[in-house]
Amino acid sequence: RRVVEIMEKCCIFWNNMDACIERLSQLKEHTERLIQYSSKSTRLQERFKVRLDGHEEFWQSLEGLSTTYVQRSVQDVVSTRSQLNKLENAADVLATGLAFSGVTPHHTADAVRQLELRDRE
């Protein structure tokens, strides 16, 4: 379940990233056009400045989103790894206990199958 949550967060981030990249492509085209024509008039130079400010805001926003994504991803990975370690430790303890009691993994699998069959009835 935790893995599904992490994957959903990743999908949301990458879907947002697609929109950001599309916007970036548009900004690039507008910037190229404005650079070509801005030297010809003061009005165009002012417009270029406004567009450049918009471009800067976009990059700052993208940086913020990316930083937040990385921080959350690191936290999720650490949390998931911790949970997996706990599960692995519990499995080791269980396996050790079963080994001392003489129960083999084969016996355990049979017992689980029997319980599943009983639950279905």
Foldseek 3Di string as FASTA:
>chain_A
DLVVVLVVLVVVLVVVVVVLVVVVVVLVVVLVVLVVCVVPDVVSVVVNVVSVVVVVVSVVVVVVSVVVNVVVNVVSVVVVVVVVVVVVVVVVVVQVVCVVVVHDVVNVVVVVVVVVVVVVD
